[in-house]
């Protein structure tokens, strides 16, 4: 309970686990009232989460709550549970608030793996320097039997399940507001979608 982490010198606050490797398994782990923040500029897309920055293994029956913050400019990929998922996340959830820039997802920032029977219910707020997905920020993997009840506030772009999708989303739904600012900056493209913005 109340896990807290912030930047230490050149080491950004990436999560409880920096990396869960290909043979790693995290099971039945709950993190409540977490508070993580970073001020590291990450143009290379460093992955930030509460449970883990990067998952290449298996996360099952795990959950987070609290807040996950990033610096207020573009670059990072951030999720309420995991920053980047290249493995399997199943039967897991996050009710954490996620903000405030980069590629943001209520559960996962970037998914190239599989998210199964999982959900997000914490609000996602990306501001002018980010893109928000209620469940996933950017999906090029598989999302199945999952849902979001998180408000996705993307400033100029947001999606109910994912901000961007080039993978598979099946048997899943979003049931919350997708919104942005009333007036986007000049010459700025906007995109909003109930499932995916693009």
Protein backbone atom coordinates (compact mmCIF):
# COMPACT_ATOMS: atom_id res chain seq x y z
CA UNK A 1 0.00 0.00 0.00
CA UNK A 2 1.10 3.61 -0.77
CA UNK A 3 4.08 2.68 -2.92
CA UNK A 4 5.82 5.92 -3.88
CA UNK A 5 8.55 6.53 -6.44
CA UNK A 6 10.15 9.53 -8.10
CA UNK A 7 13.25 10.20 -10.19
CA UNK A 8 16.62 9.57 -8.57
CA UNK A 9 19.41 11.31 -10.44
CA UNK A 10 19.55 9.83 -13.94
CA UNK A 11 17.28 6.93 -12.96
CA UNK A 12 13.66 7.66 -13.92
CA UNK A 13 10.77 6.29 -11.88
CA UNK A 14 9.60 3.48 -14.15
CA UNK A 15 7.58 1.36 -11.69
CA UNK A 16 7.91 -1.30 -9.01
CA UNK A 17 9.64 -3.51 -11.59
CA UNK A 18 11.71 -1.88 -14.30
CA UNK A 19 11.41 -4.97 -16.53
CA UNK A 20 9.54 -8.25 -16.14
CA UNK A 21 11.55 -10.56 -18.41
CA UNK A 22 10.28 -13.19 -20.86
CA UNK A 23 10.28 -15.94 -18.19
CA UNK A 24 8.92 -13.71 -15.41
CA UNK A 25 5.50 -14.21 -13.83
CA UNK A 26 3.73 -11.74 -11.53
CA UNK A 27 0.62 -13.21 -9.94
CA UNK A 28 -1.89 -11.98 -7.33
CA UNK A 29 -0.14 -8.65 -6.72
CA UNK A 30 -2.11 -5.58 -5.69
CA UNK A 31 -0.70 -2.06 -5.35
CA UNK A 32 -3.11 0.42 -3.75
CA UNK A 33 -2.81 4.19 -3.39
CA UNK A 34 0.44 4.27 -5.35
CA UNK A 35 2.02 7.61 -6.25
CA UNK A 36 4.66 7.66 -8.98
CA UNK A 37 6.00 10.65 -10.87
CA UNK A 38 8.84 11.48 -13.20
CA UNK A 39 10.27 14.65 -14.69
CA UNK A 40 12.59 12.88 -17.11
CA UNK A 41 12.31 13.95 -20.75
CA UNK A 42 12.04 10.72 -22.71
CA UNK A 43 12.13 11.29 -26.48
CA UNK A 44 12.98 7.61 -27.03
CA UNK A 45 9.70 6.56 -25.42
CA UNK A 46 10.78 5.24 -22.03
CA UNK A 47 8.00 3.08 -20.58
CA UNK A 48 6.46 4.10 -17.26
CA UNK A 49 3.95 2.10 -15.21
CA UNK A 50 3.01 1.47 -11.60
CA UNK A 51 3.56 -2.29 -11.52
CA UNK A 52 6.22 -2.33 -14.25
CA UNK A 53 7.80 -0.21 -16.92
CA UNK A 54 8.10 -3.09 -19.40
CA UNK A 55 6.41 -6.50 -19.30
CA UNK A 56 7.76 -9.31 -21.48
CA UNK A 57 6.39 -12.11 -19.31
CA UNK A 58 3.04 -12.82 -17.65
CA UNK A 59 1.02 -10.60 -15.33
CA UNK A 60 -2.10 -12.25 -13.95
CA UNK A 61 -4.68 -11.38 -11.27
CA UNK A 62 -2.92 -8.11 -10.44
CA UNK A 63 -4.18 -4.55 -9.95
CA UNK A 64 -3.14 -0.99 -9.17
CA UNK A 65 -4.72 2.19 -7.84
CA UNK A 66 -3.46 5.68 -7.12
CA UNK A 67 -1.67 7.88 -9.65
CA UNK A 68 0.99 7.62 -12.35
CA UNK A 69 2.44 10.90 -13.61
CA UNK A 70 4.92 11.82 -16.31
CA UNK A 71 6.62 15.02 -17.33
CA UNK A 72 4.40 17.56 -19.09
CA UNK A 73 5.86 17.05 -22.56
CA UNK A 74 5.80 14.37 -25.21
CA UNK A 75 7.97 11.26 -25.36
CA UNK A 76 6.98 8.73 -22.72
CA UNK A 77 4.61 5.79 -22.96
CA UNK A 78 2.69 5.40 -19.71
CA UNK A 79 0.08 3.04 -18.28
CA UNK A 80 -1.75 2.64 -15.00
CA UNK A 81 -0.49 -0.94 -14.70
CA UNK A 82 2.37 -1.27 -17.22
CA UNK A 83 4.10 1.20 -19.51
CA UNK A 84 4.75 -1.25 -22.34
CA UNK A 85 3.42 -4.80 -22.68
CA UNK A 86 5.20 -7.24 -24.99
CA UNK A 87 3.95 -10.28 -23.05
CA UNK A 88 0.61 -11.33 -21.54
CA UNK A 89 -1.60 -9.42 -19.14
CA UNK A 90 -4.69 -11.29 -18.03
CA UNK A 91 -7.44 -10.78 -15.45
CA UNK A 92 -5.79 -7.61 -14.21
CA UNK A 93 -6.92 -4.01 -13.74
CA UNK A 94 -6.03 -0.45 -12.85
CA UNK A 95 -8.10 2.32 -11.28
CA UNK A 96 -5.14 4.70 -11.19
CA UNK A 97 -5.17 8.20 -12.65
CA UNK A 98 -2.68 8.50 -15.55
CA UNK A 99 -1.26 11.82 -16.84
CA UNK A 100 -0.04 14.09 -18.26
CA UNK A 101 1.84 13.76 -21.59
CA UNK A 102 3.10 11.26 -24.15
CA UNK A 103 1.21 8.10 -25.09
CA UNK A 104 -1.11 7.23 -22.21
CA UNK A 105 -3.37 4.29 -21.40
CA UNK A 106 -5.47 3.54 -18.34
CA UNK A 107 -3.99 0.04 -18.15
CA UNK A 108 -1.10 -0.06 -20.66
CA UNK A 109 0.72 2.68 -22.53
CA UNK A 110 1.85 0.57 -25.51
CA UNK A 111 0.67 -2.99 -26.19
CA UNK A 112 2.41 -5.29 -28.66
CA UNK A 113 1.48 -8.42 -26.71
CA UNK A 114 -1.85 -9.68 -25.39
CA UNK A 115 -4.29 -8.09 -22.94
CA UNK A 116 -7.02 -10.53 -21.91
CA UNK A 117 -10.01 -10.16 -19.56
CA UNK A 118 -8.68 -6.95 -18.05
CA UNK A 119 -10.01 -3.43 -17.47
CA UNK A 120 -9.22 0.16 -16.54
CA UNK A 121 -11.40 2.53 -14.53
CA UNK A 122 -9.04 5.40 -13.67
CA UNK A 123 -9.17 8.60 -15.69
CA UNK A 124 -6.53 9.33 -18.34
CA UNK A 125 -5.55 12.94 -19.04
CA UNK A 126 -2.99 13.72 -21.74
CA UNK A 127 -3.20 17.50 -22.18
CA UNK A 128 -1.86 19.20 -25.32
CA UNK A 129 1.34 17.12 -25.39
CA UNK A 130 -0.16 13.65 -25.33
CA UNK A 131 -2.67 11.14 -26.66
CA UNK A 132 -5.00 9.15 -24.42
CA UNK A 133 -6.64 5.74 -24.58
CA UNK A 134 -9.01 4.61 -21.86
CA UNK A 135 -7.46 1.14 -21.73
CA UNK A 136 -4.43 1.20 -24.07
CA UNK A 137 -2.45 4.11 -25.46
CA UNK A 138 -1.22 2.43 -28.64
CA UNK A 139 -2.21 -1.12 -29.60
CA UNK A 140 -0.46 -3.25 -32.20
CA UNK A 141 -1.11 -6.50 -30.34
CA UNK A 142 -4.28 -8.25 -29.17
CA UNK A 143 -6.90 -6.89 -26.78
CA UNK A 144 -9.66 -9.39 -25.99
CA UNK A 145 -12.59 -9.55 -23.57
CA UNK A 146 -11.49 -6.33 -21.90
CA UNK A 147 -13.06 -2.94 -21.20
CA UNK A 148 -12.61 0.62 -20.03
CA UNK A 149 -14.77 2.81 -17.84
CA UNK A 150 -12.03 5.45 -17.70
CA UNK A 151 -12.61 8.98 -18.99
CA UNK A 152 -10.13 9.51 -21.83
CA UNK A 153 -9.14 13.18 -22.04
CA UNK A 154 -6.65 13.55 -24.87
CA UNK A 155 -6.49 17.27 -25.35
CA UNK A 156 -6.58 16.96 -29.14
CA UNK A 157 -6.80 13.14 -29.59
CA UNK A 158 -8.32 10.31 -27.54
CA UNK A 159 -9.96 6.90 -27.86
CA UNK A 160 -12.30 5.01 -25.56
CA UNK A 161 -10.29 1.78 -25.64
CA UNK A 162 -7.12 2.85 -27.49
CA UNK A 163 -5.77 6.06 -28.93
CA UNK A 164 -4.30 4.15 -31.90
CA UNK A 165 -4.94 0.61 -33.09
CA UNK A 166 -3.10 -1.39 -35.73
CA UNK A 167 -3.68 -4.70 -34.01
CA UNK A 168 -6.79 -6.61 -32.90
CA UNK A 169 -9.47 -5.44 -30.49
CA UNK A 170 -12.20 -8.03 -29.99
CA UNK A 171 -15.08 -8.69 -27.59
CA UNK A 172 -14.21 -5.47 -25.75
CA UNK A 173 -15.98 -2.19 -24.98
CA UNK A 174 -15.63 1.30 -23.56
CA UNK A 175 -18.30 2.93 -21.41
CA UNK A 176 -17.04 6.38 -20.49
CA UNK A 177 -16.58 9.87 -21.85
CA UNK A 178 -14.01 10.56 -24.58
CA UNK A 179 -13.16 14.25 -24.64
CA UNK A 180 -10.70 16.99 -25.50
CA UNK A 181 -10.32 20.73 -25.28
CA UNK A 182 -12.98 22.83 -26.98
CA UNK A 183 -10.55 24.66 -29.22
CA UNK A 184 -7.48 22.94 -30.64
CA UNK A 185 -4.43 25.04 -31.57
CA UNK A 186 -4.31 26.30 -35.20
CA UNK A 187 -3.17 23.75 -37.79
CA UNK A 188 -3.47 20.91 -35.27
CA UNK A 189 -5.21 17.74 -36.39
CA UNK A 190 -7.65 16.17 -33.96
CA UNK A 191 -9.04 12.64 -33.72
CA UNK A 192 -11.48 11.10 -31.27
CA UNK A 193 -13.14 7.68 -31.27
CA UNK A 194 -15.41 5.60 -29.08
CA UNK A 195 -13.14 2.58 -29.60
CA UNK A 196 -9.99 4.02 -31.20
CA UNK A 197 -9.10 7.50 -32.38
CA UNK A 198 -6.98 6.23 -35.27
